[in-house]
Protein backbone atom coordinates (compact mmCIF):
# COMPACT_ATOMS: atom_id res chain seq x y z
CA UNK A 1 46.71 119.40 72.40
CA UNK A 2 43.53 120.18 74.22
CA UNK A 3 42.61 117.84 77.06
CA UNK A 4 38.98 118.99 76.94
CA UNK A 5 37.91 117.12 73.80
CA UNK A 6 34.82 114.97 74.41
CA UNK A 7 35.66 112.39 71.75
CA UNK A 8 38.38 109.78 72.19
CA UNK A 9 41.85 110.77 71.08
CA UNK A 10 44.16 108.54 69.07
CA UNK A 11 47.95 108.56 69.45
CA UNK A 12 50.57 106.59 67.51
CA UNK A 13 54.29 106.12 68.12
CA UNK A 14 56.64 104.44 65.65
CA UNK A 15 59.71 102.55 66.84
CA UNK A 16 58.02 102.05 70.20
CA UNK A 17 59.28 98.61 71.25
CA UNK A 18 62.09 99.99 73.38
CA UNK A 19 64.13 103.03 74.34
CA UNK A 20 62.67 106.48 73.77
CA UNK A 21 59.75 105.22 71.69
CA UNK A 22 58.68 102.89 74.49
CA UNK A 23 58.99 105.71 77.02
CA UNK A 24 56.85 107.97 74.82
CA UNK A 25 54.16 105.30 74.57
CA UNK A 26 54.24 104.85 78.35
CA UNK A 27 53.94 108.59 78.89
CA UNK A 28 51.04 108.91 76.48
CA UNK A 29 49.23 106.00 78.14
CA UNK A 30 49.67 107.67 81.52
CA UNK A 31 48.67 111.19 80.50
CA UNK A 32 45.80 110.47 78.10
CA UNK A 33 42.31 109.56 79.28
CA UNK A 34 40.75 106.11 79.78
CA UNK A 35 38.76 106.38 76.56
CA UNK A 36 41.79 107.33 74.47
CA UNK A 37 43.91 104.91 72.45
CA UNK A 38 47.70 104.64 72.19
CA UNK A 39 49.04 102.62 69.26
CA UNK A 40 52.50 101.23 69.99
CA UNK A 41 54.08 100.20 66.70
CA UNK A 42 57.16 98.36 65.49
CA UNK A 43 58.27 95.79 62.93
CA UNK A 44 58.43 92.63 65.03
CA UNK A 45 55.00 91.22 65.94
CA UNK A 46 56.21 89.37 69.04
CA UNK A 47 58.12 92.33 70.46
CA UNK A 48 55.31 94.75 69.67
CA UNK A 49 52.76 92.55 71.41
CA UNK A 50 54.94 92.06 74.48
CA UNK A 51 55.70 95.78 74.75
CA UNK A 52 52.03 96.72 74.45
CA UNK A 53 51.09 94.20 77.15
CA UNK A 54 53.75 95.60 79.48
CA UNK A 55 52.74 99.22 78.94
CA UNK A 56 49.08 98.35 79.39
CA UNK A 57 49.87 96.67 82.70
CA UNK A 58 51.79 99.60 84.19
CA UNK A 59 50.07 101.04 87.28
CA UNK A 60 50.02 104.55 85.80
CA UNK A 61 48.49 103.62 82.43
CA UNK A 62 45.03 105.10 81.88
CA UNK A 63 44.48 105.04 78.12
CA UNK A 64 43.93 101.89 76.10
CA UNK A 65 47.11 100.52 74.56
CA UNK A 66 47.28 98.40 71.42
CA UNK A 67 50.28 97.00 69.58
CA UNK A 68 50.38 97.34 65.82
CA UNK A 69 52.90 95.92 63.39
CA UNK A 70 54.21 98.72 61.18
CA UNK A 71 57.29 98.53 59.01
CA UNK A 72 58.05 102.20 58.45
CA UNK A 73 60.24 101.39 55.46
CA UNK A 74 57.02 100.38 53.68
CA UNK A 75 55.28 103.56 52.54
CA UNK A 76 52.20 101.59 51.52
CA UNK A 77 51.90 100.20 55.05
CA UNK A 78 52.08 103.71 56.49
CA UNK A 79 49.43 104.95 54.07
CA UNK A 80 47.25 101.94 54.86
CA UNK A 81 47.34 102.51 58.61
CA UNK A 82 46.63 106.21 58.18
CA UNK A 83 43.60 105.41 56.04
CA UNK A 84 42.44 102.84 58.58
CA UNK A 85 42.56 105.42 61.35
CA UNK A 86 40.68 107.90 59.18
CA UNK A 87 37.97 105.37 58.41
CA UNK A 88 37.61 104.02 61.96
CA UNK A 89 38.28 107.10 64.09
CA UNK A 90 38.03 110.08 61.78
CA UNK A 91 41.77 110.63 61.93
CA UNK A 92 44.56 110.74 64.49
CA UNK A 93 45.48 113.26 67.18
CA UNK A 94 49.11 112.50 67.99
CA UNK A 95 51.77 110.99 65.74
CA UNK A 96 55.35 110.68 66.96
CA UNK A 97 57.73 109.38 64.32
CA UNK A 98 60.59 107.82 66.26
CA UNK A 99 61.82 104.77 64.34
CA UNK A 100 65.59 104.53 63.92
CA UNK A 101 68.14 102.02 62.67
CA UNK A 102 70.73 100.87 65.15
CA UNK A 103 74.30 101.17 63.87
CA UNK A 104 77.75 100.63 65.34
CA UNK A 105 80.89 102.63 64.48
CA UNK A 106 82.45 99.52 62.96
CA UNK A 107 79.57 99.06 60.52
CA UNK A 108 80.20 100.13 56.95
CA UNK A 109 78.27 103.34 56.35
CA UNK A 110 77.86 102.60 52.65
CA UNK A 111 76.58 99.08 53.30
CA UNK A 112 73.98 100.33 55.79
CA UNK A 113 73.00 103.47 53.85
CA UNK A 114 69.84 102.09 52.30
CA UNK A 115 68.51 100.85 55.62
CA UNK A 116 69.26 104.12 57.40
CA UNK A 117 67.74 106.25 54.65
CA UNK A 118 64.67 104.05 54.29
CA UNK A 119 63.90 104.02 58.03
CA UNK A 120 64.85 107.59 58.92
CA UNK A 121 64.13 109.56 55.76
CA UNK A 122 61.85 107.78 53.30
CA UNK A 123 59.71 106.79 56.29
CA UNK A 124 59.63 110.36 57.59
CA UNK A 125 58.40 111.59 54.21
CA UNK A 126 55.66 108.93 54.18
CA UNK A 127 54.60 109.70 57.77
CA UNK A 128 54.39 113.41 57.06
CA UNK A 129 52.31 112.85 53.94
CA UNK A 130 49.99 110.07 55.11
CA UNK A 131 49.41 111.00 58.75
CA UNK A 132 49.54 114.70 58.02
CA UNK A 133 46.52 114.20 55.79
CA UNK A 134 44.48 112.63 58.62
CA UNK A 135 45.73 114.73 61.55
CA UNK A 136 42.76 116.18 63.40
CA UNK A 137 42.58 119.86 64.38
CA UNK A 138 44.59 120.53 67.51
CA UNK A 139 46.75 117.48 66.87
CA UNK A 140 50.48 116.89 67.07
CA UNK A 141 52.75 115.57 64.30
CA UNK A 142 56.27 115.27 65.71
CA UNK A 143 59.41 113.78 64.17
CA UNK A 144 62.16 112.78 66.58
CA UNK A 145 65.46 114.03 65.16
CA UNK A 146 68.48 115.46 67.00
CA UNK A 147 70.48 118.65 67.37
CA UNK A 148 72.61 117.30 64.49
CA UNK A 149 69.66 118.14 62.26
CA UNK A 150 70.52 121.82 61.96
CA UNK A 151 71.81 122.87 58.56
CA UNK A 152 75.15 124.12 59.83
CA UNK A 153 76.30 120.55 60.44
CA UNK A 154 76.54 120.06 56.68
CA UNK A 155 79.24 121.35 54.35
CA UNK A 156 78.09 124.77 53.03
CA UNK A 157 78.16 123.33 49.48
CA UNK A 158 75.11 121.26 50.41
CA UNK A 159 73.00 123.90 52.12
CA UNK A 160 71.07 124.89 49.01
CA UNK A 161 69.66 121.37 48.76
CA UNK A 162 67.70 121.75 52.00
CA UNK A 163 67.34 125.45 52.79
CA UNK A 164 63.82 126.54 51.88
CA UNK A 165 63.22 123.26 50.04
CA UNK A 166 59.84 121.68 49.37
CA UNK A 167 59.22 118.10 50.50
CA UNK A 168 59.75 116.93 46.93
CA UNK A 169 63.07 118.75 46.79
CA UNK A 170 64.14 117.21 50.09
CA UNK A 171 63.28 113.78 48.71
CA UNK A 172 65.37 114.49 45.60
CA UNK A 173 68.31 115.61 47.76
CA UNK A 174 68.08 112.45 49.87
CA UNK A 175 68.06 110.21 46.82
CA UNK A 176 71.00 112.15 45.33
CA UNK A 177 72.90 111.59 48.58
CA UNK A 178 72.01 107.89 48.52
CA UNK A 179 73.31 107.57 44.96
CA UNK A 180 76.51 109.42 45.82
CA UNK A 181 77.17 107.08 48.75
CA UNK A 182 76.76 104.04 46.50
CA UNK A 183 78.85 105.35 43.61
CA UNK A 184 81.65 106.58 45.87
CA UNK A 185 81.34 110.32 45.20
CA UNK A 186 79.67 111.41 48.46
CA UNK A 187 82.77 112.68 50.26
CA UNK A 188 83.98 114.55 47.20
CA UNK A 189 80.62 116.33 47.03
CA UNK A 190 80.86 117.33 50.70
CA UNK A 191 78.61 114.72 52.33
CA UNK A 192 79.78 113.53 55.78
CA UNK A 193 80.86 109.90 56.09
CA UNK A 194 78.65 109.45 59.15
CA UNK A 195 75.15 108.86 57.81
CA UNK A 196 73.46 110.26 60.90
CA UNK A 197 74.22 113.90 60.05
CA UNK A 198 72.68 114.22 56.57
CA UNK A 199 69.88 111.90 57.65
CA UNK A 200 68.91 114.17 60.55
CA UNK A 201 69.28 117.37 58.53
CA UNK A 202 67.01 115.89 55.88
CA UNK A 203 64.44 114.90 58.52
CA UNK A 204 64.31 118.42 59.90
CA UNK A 205 64.18 119.90 56.39
CA UNK A 206 61.24 117.64 55.52
CA UNK A 207 59.32 118.80 58.59
CA UNK A 208 60.08 122.43 57.76
CA UNK A 209 58.83 121.90 54.21
CA UNK A 210 55.53 120.38 55.27
CA UNK A 211 55.04 122.92 58.05
CA UNK A 212 55.56 125.82 55.66
CA UNK A 213 52.62 124.64 53.57
CA UNK A 214 50.30 124.04 56.55
CA UNK A 215 51.33 126.81 58.93
CA UNK A 216 48.43 129.26 58.71
CA UNK A 217 45.60 126.76 59.02
CA UNK A 218 47.39 124.65 61.62
CA UNK A 219 48.10 127.56 63.93
CA UNK A 220 44.48 128.66 63.63
CA UNK A 221 43.41 125.18 64.75
CA UNK A 222 46.03 124.79 67.50
CA UNK A 223 47.82 122.05 65.55
CA UNK A 224 51.58 121.58 65.95
CA UNK A 225 53.95 120.12 63.36
CA UNK A 226 57.59 120.07 64.47
CA UNK A 227 60.77 118.07 64.77
CA UNK A 228 62.09 117.41 68.25
CA UNK A 229 65.49 116.85 69.78
CA UNK A 230 65.16 114.88 73.04
CA UNK A 231 68.77 115.59 74.03
CA UNK A 232 71.34 112.90 74.75
CA UNK A 233 69.58 109.68 75.70
CA UNK A 234 71.29 106.65 77.17
CA UNK A 235 70.17 103.88 74.84
CA UNK A 236 71.85 100.99 73.07
CA UNK A 237 71.45 102.87 69.79
CA UNK A 238 73.26 106.04 70.83
CA UNK A 239 75.80 104.87 73.42
CA UNK A 240 78.50 103.66 70.95
CA UNK A 241 78.76 107.09 69.34
CA UNK A 242 79.78 109.34 72.22
CA UNK A 243 82.69 109.18 74.64
CA UNK A 244 81.08 111.18 77.46
CA UNK A 245 77.71 109.98 78.70
CA UNK A 246 77.77 111.74 82.06
CA UNK A 247 74.87 114.01 81.05
CA UNK A 248 72.78 111.40 79.26
CA UNK A 249 69.13 111.06 80.22
CA UNK A 250 67.10 107.94 80.75
CA UNK A 251 64.50 107.38 78.01
CA UNK A 252 61.73 108.21 80.49
CA UNK A 253 63.34 111.53 81.38
CA UNK A 254 64.01 112.38 77.72
CA UNK A 255 60.37 111.66 76.86
CA UNK A 256 59.09 114.30 79.29
CA UNK A 257 59.90 117.36 77.19
CA UNK A 258 58.44 115.74 74.07
CA UNK A 259 55.26 114.85 75.94
CA UNK A 260 55.01 118.40 77.28
CA UNK A 261 54.81 119.55 73.64
CA UNK A 262 52.08 117.01 73.00
CA UNK A 263 49.93 118.13 75.91
CA UNK A 264 50.50 121.88 75.72
CA UNK A 265 47.42 123.96 75.00
CA UNK A 266 47.30 125.31 71.46
CA UNK A 267 50.33 125.63 69.19
CA UNK A 268 53.17 128.05 69.86
CA UNK A 269 53.96 129.93 66.61
CA UNK A 270 57.59 130.16 67.72
CA UNK A 271 57.88 126.36 67.82
CA UNK A 272 55.77 125.53 64.80
CA UNK A 273 57.85 123.88 62.06
CA UNK A 274 61.05 124.19 64.09
CA UNK A 275 63.50 121.75 65.64
CA UNK A 276 62.57 121.94 69.33
CA UNK A 277 64.81 120.95 72.23
CA UNK A 278 63.52 121.21 75.80
CA UNK A 279 60.77 123.57 74.71
CA UNK A 280 62.97 125.97 72.75
CA UNK A 281 63.65 126.17 68.99
CA UNK A 282 67.15 125.50 67.67
CA UNK A 283 68.41 127.81 64.95
CA UNK A 284 68.10 126.16 61.54
CA UNK A 285 71.48 127.50 60.41
CA UNK A 286 73.30 126.66 63.66
CA UNK A 287 76.04 124.07 64.01
CA UNK A 288 79.28 123.19 62.27
CA UNK A 289 80.48 120.09 60.41
CA UNK A 290 81.59 117.33 62.81
CA UNK A 291 85.05 115.81 62.89
CA UNK A 292 85.11 113.28 65.73
CA UNK A 293 82.45 110.90 64.44
CA UNK A 294 83.64 110.95 60.83
CA UNK A 295 87.07 109.91 62.10
CA UNK A 296 85.79 106.77 63.85
CA UNK A 297 83.31 105.40 61.32
CA UNK A 298 84.01 102.99 58.50
CA UNK A 299 83.03 104.35 55.06
């Protein structure tokens, strides 16, 4: 994203009350200019307001910071905010979709499936559609996923649902998965028990679908659409799922590589539409189905 623009830039982060989202908002506020605006969003009005006040008060903050209530499971709310930014500012320059549902291994995967899918997948589709339509030239539209989002982490029987799929086809696959979880046929069809794997694969597939349609004009304008893997981050959301946290990053450290993508000049064709980790693309077909996590979760 060019730092030479004379007009004010607008940035928005979802799931920004705490953890990585909060660190991303802090980094944007520090690295953007005094006339720019960072919108820190989340579902809880009190927590959003407090987080925005704290980020605004940090010694390194330069840009304006505002808290906005945004329930990402509400597609109409996402569309409404995107339209508001179009009407008031002519669009948006940076959108980082980061909202996630916190789960514990002892939670029933089936009982939490709707919440996980609504926040991580249905919301991603809405963000890509609504904010993609108002993204200004040279902007950044990034979806925080994970390295589990590569296709190889799914059973090969499921690959055709996401490989080369359109956004509409990804949506259909996600809803088919949701139905299979609820009617008890998901494992038989090859879906992992752990919701995080198909959820992340579907997020990355959705980004790839949208990027494929926009690629030529976005690259010409220096615009980047991508999914990002921040690496292992030591947060309350992720800690219960891994036995070895010796290499985990703080949220602030994990945010650095994502922010470097935001502030890079132009758009690297090798990163466009890809799942990017520490500045390098991960192979879409990489990975293998997991065993450890499926063994510890409750269906």
